[in-house]
Amino acid sequence: MNDHIQPDGSEAYEGAHEHDHGSLGDAEFAEFMELAAEEGFDPEDVEGAIEAAGHGPLPVLAVVGRPNVGKSTLVNRIIGRREAVVEDKPGVTRDRVTYEAEWAGRRFKVVDTGGWEQDVLGIDASVAAQAEYAIEAADAVVFVVDAKVGATDTDEAVVRLLRKAGKPVVLCANKVDGQSGEADASYLWALGLGEPHPVSALHGRGTGDMLDQVLEALPEAPAQTFGTAVGGPRRVALIGRPNVGKSSLLNKVAGEERVVVNEIAGTTRDPVDELIELGGKTWKFVDTAGIRKRVHLQQGADYYASLRTAAAVEKAEVAVVLIDGSESISVQDQRIVTMAVEAGRALVLAYNKWDTLDEERRYYLEREIETELGQVAWAPRVNVSARTGRHMEKLVPAIEAALAGWETRVPTGRLNAFLGELVAAHPHPVRGGKQPRILFGTQAGTKPPRFVLFASGFIEAGYRRFIERRLREEFGFEGTPIHISVRVREKRGRKK
């Protein structure tokens, strides 16, 4: 049993299920593997690289519970590195609440809800709000309870929320450091959530068994499909910082007052999923205009907003980020854009209040976009007015363009012809007397496009960015992030 989680998940990867071919058909795959063998790559390494990059959207695990039960310690244990803040203080917020993890050869996302502890509504409401936003996006939930303290009224409140949500739940009885603590854990059967799993997140005790149970609860990452239409309306997350005009935009798009609009940031109480006819199609818009009523009075509001945005983005296919054009682009705007990119969603940037901008403000806004959002210059842009409806007709074409880029696939033969010409014309810089080369590659997945490149040596980040830029110039990929992973050919020792 592996109670201590390795950062790379390598302990549990042996014996994982057979690799699939990612984006390659059988004949293409056989030809590709022959090329890999000629270049000296291990077949299992090549298959593993394609499979790792070729999954569909990863399942999401939410870690919930009241403060000080060890949620962030457990999250660090699950992801195999110290990244979540462990010593939370009231008012301390984290922007990144979603992490990627691996256990027993399976990858999944973890949503951490540690952090803000109190607000004017009391600790119970604070915990419930955090849990509610995280559960909304999750496929399964780990509910963490302090076994030494036992079940509290706050724990009972979270249990009621979990039952209402109907998601699979794994009960983690934390802070069980030895045999003597297992009796305390057994009392948690009374919560009615099934078997309590005794764990010491701090020391790793029992975490392997608990994660085995988590894998039972989580769905498999869907196999990658190409050119297959998604069933049902396409899902659009309308995101942005509070009071930027998201509810007004949704009402204008819908053609009626569907969402409460108020000048006070944080008016929207619950996520509102709206089916809206636009451009002859039905779209599902997720309105994330604000956070719970009155919570905005507290410093923890940014944390709740971050959780809600993460939940909406996880549920969506494309994120429309609304930015107030009348104000300078803020750090919060940049963080929200980064959240959508890191989640691998298609992206559209909508600049609101365009009708109110004079020539001077438009000039400075263009400069801000170049400097502050230059890294997402590939995202379609629309200049709109949620108040007047200006340029609303441009929103759907931008969303469709982003989704088309998100689903684009480049055939392996065409990709390798492109890579060959690129490397010949612009070789990697010589470093330490050596010049690494991109030997061949394949697109292992879409939504977003994911490429695996096989190289003779380490490829620098700057050269990877150059490859991404040229991929966009050659094949489009408008409105979508691109993931590029590189596998380096291992040196083989001489045979005796």
Protein backbone atom coordinates (compact mmCIF):
# COMPACT_ATOMS: atom_id res chain seq x y z
CA MET A 1 0.00 0.00 0.00
CA ASN A 2 1.30 3.43 -0.90
CA ASP A 3 0.31 5.79 1.88
CA HIS A 4 2.80 8.48 0.85
CA ILE A 5 1.92 10.16 -2.39
CA GLN A 6 4.72 10.85 -4.79
CA PRO A 7 4.64 14.18 -6.64
CA ASP A 8 4.77 12.52 -10.03
CA GLY A 9 2.45 9.63 -9.13
CA SER A 10 5.09 7.21 -10.40
CA GLU A 11 4.62 4.62 -7.64
CA ALA A 12 1.14 3.78 -8.80
CA TYR A 13 1.56 4.11 -12.57
CA GLU A 14 2.87 0.60 -13.18
CA GLY A 15 0.14 -1.69 -14.35
CA ALA A 16 -2.11 1.11 -15.60
CA HIS A 17 -4.55 0.15 -18.31
CA GLU A 18 -3.36 -0.30 -21.88
CA HIS A 19 -2.54 2.90 -23.73
CA ASP A 20 -4.87 4.16 -26.40
CA HIS A 21 -3.75 5.81 -29.62
CA GLY A 22 -4.83 9.36 -28.81
CA SER A 23 -5.67 11.08 -32.10
CA LEU A 24 -4.12 8.41 -34.32
CA GLY A 25 -5.87 5.70 -36.28
CA ASP A 26 -4.40 2.19 -36.29
CA ALA A 27 -2.46 2.57 -39.55
CA GLU A 28 -1.26 6.06 -38.67
CA PHE A 29 -0.30 4.87 -35.19
CA ALA A 30 1.75 1.95 -36.56
CA GLU A 31 3.59 4.29 -38.94
CA PHE A 32 4.15 6.77 -36.12
CA MET A 33 5.59 4.11 -33.81
CA GLU A 34 7.93 2.92 -36.57
CA LEU A 35 9.21 6.50 -36.89
CA ALA A 36 9.67 6.67 -33.12
CA ALA A 37 11.66 3.42 -33.11
CA GLU A 38 13.92 4.73 -35.89
CA GLU A 39 14.67 7.80 -33.78
CA GLY A 40 15.56 5.66 -30.75
CA PHE A 41 12.48 6.25 -28.57
CA ASP A 42 11.14 3.60 -26.23
CA PRO A 43 7.69 2.49 -27.54
CA GLU A 44 6.14 2.48 -24.06
CA ASP A 45 7.40 6.02 -23.43
CA VAL A 46 5.90 7.21 -26.72
CA GLU A 47 2.54 5.53 -26.03
CA GLY A 48 2.50 6.89 -22.49
CA ALA A 49 3.20 10.43 -23.70
CA ILE A 50 0.37 10.28 -26.25
CA GLU A 51 -2.08 8.83 -23.74
CA ALA A 52 -1.18 11.35 -21.02
CA ALA A 53 -1.88 14.24 -23.39
CA GLY A 54 -4.84 12.68 -25.17
CA HIS A 55 -7.49 12.56 -22.45
CA GLY A 56 -10.73 14.49 -22.53
CA PRO A 57 -11.66 16.90 -19.71
CA LEU A 58 -10.36 15.67 -16.36
CA PRO A 59 -12.87 14.74 -13.63
CA VAL A 60 -13.08 17.20 -10.73
CA LEU A 61 -12.73 16.37 -7.01
CA ALA A 62 -13.84 18.95 -4.42
CA VAL A 63 -12.27 18.90 -0.94
CA VAL A 64 -14.70 20.45 1.55
CA GLY A 65 -15.08 20.80 5.31
CA ARG A 66 -15.04 23.37 8.06
CA PRO A 67 -11.87 25.38 8.84
CA ASN A 68 -8.87 23.81 10.61
CA VAL A 69 -9.70 20.18 9.79
CA GLY A 70 -6.64 19.85 7.52
CA LYS A 71 -8.13 20.37 4.05
CA SER A 72 -5.14 22.22 2.61
CA THR A 73 -2.72 19.70 4.13
CA LEU A 74 -4.74 16.93 2.48
CA VAL A 75 -4.76 18.79 -0.86
CA ASN A 76 -0.97 19.11 -0.69
CA ARG A 77 -0.77 15.38 0.03
CA ILE A 78 -3.03 14.58 -2.94
CA ILE A 79 -1.21 16.78 -5.45
CA GLY A 80 2.19 15.66 -4.15
CA ARG A 81 3.62 19.12 -3.53
CA ARG A 82 3.26 21.96 -1.05
CA GLU A 83 1.19 24.45 -3.01
CA ALA A 84 -2.05 25.09 -1.09
CA VAL A 85 -1.64 27.53 1.80
CA VAL A 86 -1.76 25.52 5.02
CA GLU A 87 -1.76 28.17 7.76
CA ASP A 88 -4.83 30.13 6.76
CA LYS A 89 -5.62 33.39 8.52
CA PRO A 90 -8.92 35.28 8.33
CA GLY A 91 -8.86 37.49 5.26
CA VAL A 92 -6.12 35.56 3.49
CA THR A 93 -7.35 34.62 0.03
CA ARG A 94 -5.90 32.44 -2.70
CA ASP A 95 -6.44 33.05 -6.36
CA ARG A 96 -5.68 29.55 -7.52
CA VAL A 97 -8.06 27.02 -6.01
CA THR A 98 -7.83 24.25 -8.63
CA TYR A 99 -4.88 21.86 -8.96
CA GLU A 100 -4.09 18.82 -11.09
CA ALA A 101 -3.30 15.49 -9.41
CA GLU A 102 -2.55 11.88 -10.29
CA TRP A 103 -3.12 8.62 -8.43
CA ALA A 104 -2.76 5.03 -9.66
CA GLY A 105 -2.17 6.27 -13.21
CA ARG A 106 -5.36 8.36 -13.29
CA ARG A 107 -5.36 12.14 -13.45
CA PHE A 108 -7.99 14.46 -12.02
CA LYS A 109 -8.47 18.03 -10.81
CA VAL A 110 -8.72 19.00 -7.15
CA VAL A 111 -10.71 22.03 -5.99
CA ASP A 112 -9.51 23.23 -2.58
CA THR A 113 -11.95 25.18 -0.40
CA GLY A 114 -9.64 26.03 2.48
CA GLY A 115 -9.09 29.68 3.27
CA TRP A 116 -11.50 32.31 4.46
CA GLU A 117 -12.97 31.46 7.85
CA GLN A 118 -15.47 34.05 9.02
CA ASP A 119 -17.91 36.61 7.70
CA VAL A 120 -20.83 38.60 9.06
CA LEU A 121 -23.18 35.69 8.44
CA GLY A 122 -21.16 33.38 10.67
CA ILE A 123 -18.88 30.46 10.15
CA ASP A 124 -21.64 28.02 9.12
CA ALA A 125 -22.72 30.18 6.19
CA SER A 126 -19.09 30.74 5.19
CA VAL A 127 -18.36 27.01 5.06
CA ALA A 128 -21.62 26.30 3.22
CA ALA A 129 -20.88 28.97 0.60
CA GLN A 130 -17.42 27.57 -0.09
CA ALA A 131 -18.71 24.01 -0.25
CA GLU A 132 -21.65 24.94 -2.47
CA TYR A 133 -19.49 26.62 -5.12
CA ALA A 134 -16.97 23.77 -5.17
CA ILE A 135 -19.57 20.97 -5.19
CA GLU A 136 -21.28 22.64 -8.13
CA ALA A 137 -18.28 21.97 -10.36
CA ALA A 138 -17.30 18.60 -8.86
CA ASP A 139 -17.83 15.04 -10.03
CA ALA A 140 -17.09 13.72 -6.51
CA VAL A 141 -16.39 15.19 -3.07
CA VAL A 142 -13.98 14.44 -0.22
CA PHE A 143 -15.59 15.64 3.01
CA VAL A 144 -12.91 16.21 5.65
CA VAL A 145 -13.83 15.93 9.34
CA ASP A 146 -11.51 16.25 12.35
CA ALA A 147 -11.75 12.80 13.94
CA LYS A 148 -10.33 14.09 17.24
CA VAL A 149 -13.09 16.69 17.59
CA GLY A 150 -15.89 14.62 16.09
CA ALA A 151 -18.88 15.85 14.09
CA THR A 152 -19.92 19.43 14.86
CA ASP A 153 -23.05 21.40 13.95
CA THR A 154 -21.11 22.91 11.03
CA ASP A 155 -20.21 19.43 9.81
CA GLU A 156 -23.88 18.45 9.98
CA ALA A 157 -24.77 21.52 7.88
CA VAL A 158 -22.27 20.45 5.20
CA VAL A 159 -23.70 16.91 5.27
CA ARG A 160 -27.16 18.31 4.45
CA LEU A 161 -25.65 20.26 1.57
CA LEU A 162 -23.89 17.15 0.25
CA ARG A 163 -27.09 15.08 0.38
CA LYS A 164 -28.94 17.78 -1.53
CA ALA A 165 -26.24 17.91 -4.21
CA GLY A 166 -26.36 14.15 -4.78
CA LYS A 167 -22.66 13.86 -5.69
CA PRO A 168 -20.57 10.82 -4.63
CA VAL A 169 -18.90 11.52 -1.27
CA VAL A 170 -15.77 10.02 0.33
CA LEU A 171 -15.68 10.71 4.08
CA CYS A 172 -12.16 11.52 5.33
CA ALA A 173 -11.65 11.21 9.10
CA ASN A 174 -8.50 13.30 9.40
CA LYS A 175 -5.91 13.61 12.17
CA VAL A 176 -5.87 9.87 12.92
CA ASP A 177 -2.17 9.46 13.63
CA GLY A 178 -2.27 5.92 15.03
CA GLN A 179 -4.39 2.92 16.00
CA SER A 180 -5.79 4.73 19.04
CA GLY A 181 -7.44 7.36 16.82
CA GLU A 182 -9.32 4.84 14.69
CA ALA A 183 -11.99 4.46 17.38
CA ASP A 184 -12.64 8.21 17.11
CA ALA A 185 -13.02 7.84 13.36
CA SER A 186 -15.61 5.07 13.75
CA TYR A 187 -17.98 7.51 15.48
CA LEU A 188 -18.31 9.36 12.17
CA TRP A 189 -20.45 6.54 10.77
CA ALA A 190 -23.26 8.49 12.44
CA LEU A 191 -23.02 11.17 9.74
CA GLY A 192 -24.70 8.75 7.35
CA LEU A 193 -22.17 9.20 4.56
CA GLY A 194 -20.82 5.67 4.63
CA GLU A 195 -17.45 4.43 5.85
CA PRO A 196 -15.14 7.03 7.43
CA HIS A 197 -11.60 6.63 6.06
CA PRO A 198 -9.06 7.22 8.87
CA VAL A 199 -6.29 9.45 7.53
CA SER A 200 -3.38 11.52 8.71
CA ALA A 201 -2.98 14.12 5.96
CA LEU A 202 0.09 15.46 7.76
CA HIS A 203 1.97 12.14 7.83
CA GLY A 204 0.35 10.37 4.86
CA ARG A 205 -1.18 7.57 6.91
CA GLY A 206 -4.20 6.06 5.16
CA THR A 207 -4.21 8.48 2.26
CA GLY A 208 -3.53 5.75 -0.28
CA ASP A 209 -6.60 3.76 0.76
CA MET A 210 -8.71 6.90 0.75
CA LEU A 211 -7.53 7.85 -2.76
CA ASP A 212 -8.32 4.35 -4.01
CA GLN A 213 -11.88 5.03 -2.85
CA VAL A 214 -11.80 8.45 -4.54
CA LEU A 215 -10.97 6.77 -7.86
CA GLU A 216 -13.99 4.51 -7.36
CA ALA A 217 -16.18 7.61 -6.98
CA LEU A 218 -14.69 9.66 -9.82
CA PRO A 219 -15.71 8.98 -13.42
CA GLU A 220 -12.99 8.05 -15.87
CA ALA A 221 -11.63 10.91 -17.97
CA PRO A 222 -13.57 10.56 -21.23
CA ALA A 223 -11.70 9.16 -24.20
CA GLN A 224 -10.59 11.80 -26.67
CA THR A 225 -12.87 12.12 -29.68
CA PHE A 226 -12.28 14.20 -32.80
CA GLY A 227 -14.93 15.88 -34.88
CA THR A 228 -17.73 14.63 -32.64
CA ALA A 229 -20.41 17.19 -31.85
CA VAL A 230 -21.13 17.76 -28.18
CA GLY A 231 -24.68 16.84 -27.18
CA GLY A 232 -26.93 19.65 -26.01
CA PRO A 233 -26.38 23.42 -26.07
CA ARG A 234 -22.80 24.68 -26.01
CA ARG A 235 -21.89 25.94 -22.54
CA VAL A 236 -20.68 29.53 -22.13
CA ALA A 237 -19.30 30.90 -18.85
CA LEU A 238 -19.80 34.63 -18.56
CA ILE A 239 -17.06 35.68 -16.13
CA GLY A 240 -15.33 38.81 -14.91
CA ARG A 241 -14.75 40.77 -11.75
CA PRO A 242 -17.77 41.93 -9.72
CA ASN A 243 -19.90 44.80 -11.05
CA VAL A 244 -18.37 44.71 -14.51
CA GLY A 245 -21.81 44.32 -16.13
CA LYS A 246 -22.20 40.56 -16.59
CA SER A 247 -25.86 40.42 -15.50
CA SER A 248 -26.69 43.42 -17.72
CA LEU A 249 -24.99 41.70 -20.66
CA LEU A 250 -26.90 38.46 -20.05
CA ASN A 251 -30.20 40.36 -19.91
CA LYS A 252 -29.38 42.20 -23.14
CA VAL A 253 -28.39 38.97 -24.87
CA ALA A 254 -31.56 37.27 -23.64
CA GLY A 255 -33.72 40.23 -24.64
CA GLU A 256 -35.44 40.34 -21.25
CA GLU A 257 -34.76 40.94 -17.57
CA ARG A 258 -33.77 37.46 -16.42
CA VAL A 259 -31.13 38.37 -13.83
CA VAL A 260 -31.25 40.90 -10.98
CA VAL A 261 -29.04 43.90 -11.80
CA ASN A 262 -27.80 46.22 -9.06
CA GLU A 263 -24.94 48.68 -8.83
CA ILE A 264 -23.76 46.94 -5.65
CA ALA A 265 -21.12 44.36 -6.53
CA GLY A 266 -22.21 40.88 -5.53
CA THR A 267 -25.95 41.12 -6.24
CA THR A 268 -26.21 37.72 -7.87
CA ARG A 269 -26.87 35.19 -5.14
CA ASP A 270 -26.92 31.87 -6.99
CA PRO A 271 -25.46 30.77 -10.32
CA VAL A 272 -28.06 31.22 -13.05
CA ASP A 273 -27.89 28.92 -16.07
CA GLU A 274 -29.86 30.44 -18.92
CA LEU A 275 -30.84 28.80 -22.22
CA ILE A 276 -30.76 31.59 -24.79
CA GLU A 277 -31.48 31.64 -28.53
CA LEU A 278 -28.72 33.49 -30.39
CA GLY A 279 -27.73 33.37 -34.03
CA GLY A 280 -30.21 30.57 -34.71
CA LYS A 281 -28.73 28.35 -31.97
CA THR A 282 -29.49 27.63 -28.34
CA TRP A 283 -26.66 28.43 -25.91
CA LYS A 284 -26.39 27.74 -22.20
CA PHE A 285 -25.05 30.85 -20.45
CA VAL A 286 -23.77 30.52 -16.89
CA ASP A 287 -24.08 33.89 -15.14
CA THR A 288 -21.41 34.40 -12.50
CA ALA A 289 -22.10 38.06 -11.95
CA GLY A 290 -21.37 38.18 -8.28
CA ILE A 291 -21.27 36.36 -5.00
CA ARG A 292 -23.63 35.81 -2.10
CA LYS A 293 -25.60 38.76 -0.77
CA ARG A 294 -23.68 40.74 1.85
CA VAL A 295 -20.57 38.55 1.62
CA HIS A 296 -19.05 41.32 -0.51
CA LEU A 297 -18.80 43.39 2.68
CA GLN A 298 -16.01 41.11 3.82
CA GLN A 299 -12.40 40.77 2.72
CA GLY A 300 -13.14 37.14 1.83
CA ALA A 301 -15.31 38.22 -1.10
CA ASP A 302 -12.46 37.80 -3.60
CA TYR A 303 -12.02 34.23 -2.44
CA TYR A 304 -15.70 33.37 -2.96
CA ALA A 305 -15.66 35.09 -6.34
CA SER A 306 -12.61 33.03 -7.30
CA LEU A 307 -14.35 29.80 -6.25
CA ARG A 308 -17.49 30.65 -8.18
CA THR A 309 -15.53 31.60 -11.29
CA ALA A 310 -13.55 28.35 -11.10
CA ALA A 311 -16.79 26.37 -10.77
CA ALA A 312 -18.37 28.12 -13.77
CA VAL A 313 -15.27 27.68 -15.92
CA GLU A 314 -15.04 23.95 -15.10
CA LYS A 315 -18.63 23.49 -16.31
CA ALA A 316 -18.17 25.51 -19.51
CA GLU A 317 -16.64 24.96 -22.92
CA VAL A 318 -15.94 28.61 -23.68
CA ALA A 319 -15.31 31.51 -21.28
CA VAL A 320 -16.41 35.01 -22.23
CA VAL A 321 -14.39 37.38 -20.01
CA LEU A 322 -16.10 40.74 -19.63
CA ILE A 323 -13.73 43.65 -18.95
CA ASP A 324 -14.78 47.21 -18.08
CA GLY A 325 -13.26 49.29 -20.86
CA SER A 326 -13.74 52.53 -18.92
CA GLU A 327 -11.28 51.41 -16.23
CA SER A 328 -7.65 50.34 -16.41
CA ILE A 329 -7.16 46.61 -16.90
CA SER A 330 -6.68 45.29 -13.37
CA VAL A 331 -4.67 42.46 -11.86
CA GLN A 332 -8.00 40.78 -11.12
CA ASP A 333 -8.95 40.93 -14.81
CA GLN A 334 -5.64 39.26 -15.68
CA ARG A 335 -6.14 36.56 -13.05
CA ILE A 336 -9.59 35.71 -14.38
CA VAL A 337 -8.22 35.42 -17.93
CA THR A 338 -5.38 33.22 -16.64
CA MET A 339 -7.90 31.01 -14.80
CA ALA A 340 -9.80 30.36 -18.05
CA VAL A 341 -6.57 29.64 -19.96
CA GLU A 342 -5.23 27.26 -17.28
CA ALA A 343 -8.57 25.44 -17.29
CA GLY A 344 -8.06 24.87 -21.02
CA ARG A 345 -11.26 26.58 -22.14
CA ALA A 346 -11.91 28.48 -25.36
CA LEU A 347 -11.68 32.21 -24.70
CA VAL A 348 -13.42 35.40 -25.88
CA LEU A 349 -12.59 38.87 -24.50
CA ALA A 350 -15.49 41.34 -24.37
CA TYR A 351 -14.75 44.98 -23.55
CA ASN A 352 -17.86 46.55 -22.01
CA LYS A 353 -19.01 50.20 -21.91
CA TRP A 354 -17.36 50.83 -25.29
CA ASP A 355 -19.98 53.46 -26.13
CA THR A 356 -18.83 55.61 -23.19
CA LEU A 357 -15.14 55.75 -24.17
CA ASP A 358 -13.64 58.88 -25.71
CA GLU A 359 -10.75 58.78 -28.18
CA GLU A 360 -8.11 59.26 -25.49
CA ARG A 361 -9.41 56.35 -23.37
CA ARG A 362 -9.62 54.08 -26.41
CA TYR A 363 -6.00 54.89 -27.26
CA TYR A 364 -4.78 54.02 -23.76
CA LEU A 365 -6.98 50.92 -23.60
CA GLU A 366 -5.35 49.58 -26.77
CA ARG A 367 -1.91 50.09 -25.18
CA GLU A 368 -3.07 48.33 -21.99
CA ILE A 369 -4.39 45.38 -23.99
CA GLU A 370 -1.03 45.03 -25.74
CA THR A 371 0.99 45.10 -22.51
CA GLU A 372 -1.34 43.48 -19.95
CA LEU A 373 -3.10 40.88 -22.12
CA GLY A 374 -0.55 40.31 -24.87
CA GLN A 375 -0.24 36.65 -23.88
CA VAL A 376 -3.82 36.03 -25.07
CA ALA A 377 -3.62 38.05 -28.29
CA TRP A 378 -5.05 34.93 -29.97
CA ALA A 379 -8.45 35.39 -28.25
CA PRO A 380 -11.29 36.91 -30.33
CA ARG A 381 -12.22 40.37 -29.11
CA VAL A 382 -15.56 42.19 -29.17
CA ASN A 383 -16.25 45.77 -28.06
CA VAL A 384 -19.75 45.87 -26.60
CA SER A 385 -22.18 47.86 -24.52
CA ALA A 386 -24.34 45.79 -22.19
CA ARG A 387 -26.49 48.90 -21.58
CA THR A 388 -27.33 49.75 -25.19
CA GLY A 389 -26.77 46.38 -26.88
CA ARG A 390 -24.04 47.78 -29.15
CA HIS A 391 -22.22 45.09 -31.19
CA MET A 392 -24.06 42.21 -29.49
CA GLU A 393 -24.41 40.59 -32.92
CA LYS A 394 -20.62 40.10 -32.92
CA LEU A 395 -20.64 37.99 -29.76
CA VAL A 396 -21.90 34.73 -31.31
CA PRO A 397 -19.42 34.70 -34.25
CA ALA A 398 -16.61 35.29 -31.75
CA ILE A 399 -17.80 32.40 -29.55
CA GLU A 400 -18.16 30.12 -32.58
CA ALA A 401 -14.68 31.04 -33.82
CA ALA A 402 -13.18 30.26 -30.40
CA LEU A 403 -14.96 26.89 -30.22
CA ALA A 404 -13.82 26.02 -33.75
CA GLY A 405 -10.20 26.75 -32.77
CA TRP A 406 -10.67 24.76 -29.56
CA GLU A 407 -11.73 21.69 -31.59
CA THR A 408 -9.20 21.99 -34.43
CA ARG A 409 -7.09 18.93 -35.20
CA VAL A 410 -3.98 18.84 -37.40
CA PRO A 411 -3.28 15.46 -39.10
CA THR A 412 0.02 13.92 -38.00
CA GLY A 413 1.51 13.89 -41.49
CA ARG A 414 0.78 17.58 -42.04
CA LEU A 415 2.08 18.45 -38.58
CA ASN A 416 5.39 16.67 -39.14
CA ALA A 417 5.87 18.30 -42.54
CA PHE A 418 5.34 21.65 -40.82
CA LEU A 419 7.76 20.78 -37.99
CA GLY A 420 10.42 19.64 -40.47
CA GLU A 421 10.27 22.92 -42.38
CA LEU A 422 10.22 24.93 -39.14
CA VAL A 423 13.27 23.23 -37.62
CA ALA A 424 15.20 23.50 -40.90
CA ALA A 425 14.50 27.23 -41.22
CA HIS A 426 14.74 28.13 -37.51
CA PRO A 427 16.80 25.57 -35.55
CA HIS A 428 16.95 25.61 -31.77
CA PRO A 429 19.84 27.73 -30.39
CA VAL A 430 23.04 25.87 -29.53
CA ARG A 431 23.44 25.45 -25.77
CA GLY A 432 26.50 23.93 -24.16
CA GLY A 433 27.86 22.87 -27.53
CA LYS A 434 24.69 20.92 -28.35
CA GLN A 435 21.73 21.73 -30.55
CA PRO A 436 18.52 19.89 -29.60
CA ARG A 437 16.13 19.13 -32.44
CA ILE A 438 12.40 18.50 -32.68
CA LEU A 439 12.35 15.08 -34.34
CA PHE A 440 8.61 14.50 -34.82
CA GLY A 441 5.29 15.09 -33.09
CA THR A 442 1.57 14.44 -33.00
CA GLN A 443 -1.58 16.14 -31.82
CA ALA A 444 -2.83 13.93 -29.01
CA GLY A 445 -6.06 15.76 -28.23
CA THR A 446 -8.39 18.69 -28.74
CA LYS A 447 -10.54 20.87 -26.45
CA PRO A 448 -7.97 22.42 -26.12
CA PRO A 449 -5.43 21.28 -28.75
CA ARG A 450 -2.67 19.25 -27.08
CA PHE A 451 0.56 18.40 -28.87
CA VAL A 452 3.34 15.99 -27.94
CA LEU A 453 6.73 16.74 -29.49
CA PHE A 454 9.62 14.28 -29.36
CA ALA A 455 13.09 15.82 -29.25
CA SER A 456 16.78 14.91 -29.11
CA GLY A 457 17.38 17.21 -26.12
CA PHE A 458 15.85 19.76 -23.77
CA ILE A 459 13.75 22.38 -25.58
CA GLU A 460 13.84 25.82 -23.97
CA ALA A 461 10.64 27.64 -23.01
CA GLY A 462 11.35 30.43 -25.49
CA TYR A 463 11.57 27.97 -28.37
CA ARG A 464 8.35 26.27 -27.25
CA ARG A 465 6.61 29.66 -27.37
CA PHE A 466 8.07 30.17 -30.86
CA ILE A 467 6.62 26.81 -31.96
CA GLU A 468 3.22 27.74 -30.52
CA ARG A 469 3.26 31.08 -32.34
CA ARG A 470 4.10 29.40 -35.65
CA LEU A 471 1.44 26.72 -35.09
CA ARG A 472 -1.11 29.51 -34.73
CA GLU A 473 0.15 31.26 -37.85
CA GLU A 474 -0.05 28.05 -39.87
CA PHE A 475 -3.21 26.36 -38.55
CA GLY A 476 -5.27 29.11 -36.89
CA PHE A 477 -6.27 27.96 -33.39
CA GLU A 478 -8.12 31.23 -32.81
CA GLY A 479 -9.58 31.57 -29.33
CA THR A 480 -7.95 28.54 -27.74
CA PRO A 481 -4.95 27.87 -25.52
CA ILE A 482 -2.49 25.31 -26.88
CA HIS A 483 -0.75 22.76 -24.67
CA ILE A 484 2.67 21.56 -25.85
CA SER A 485 4.55 18.82 -24.01
CA VAL A 486 8.02 17.62 -25.03
CA ARG A 487 9.50 14.15 -24.54
CA VAL A 488 13.29 13.95 -24.74
CA ARG A 489 14.98 10.86 -26.12
CA GLU A 490 16.82 9.15 -23.28
CA LYS A 491 20.49 8.30 -23.76
CA ARG A 492 20.96 4.58 -24.15
CA GLY A 493 23.99 2.95 -22.66
CA ARG A 494 26.35 0.96 -24.83
CA LYS A 495 25.67 -2.75 -25.02
CA LYS A 496 28.44 -4.92 -23.68
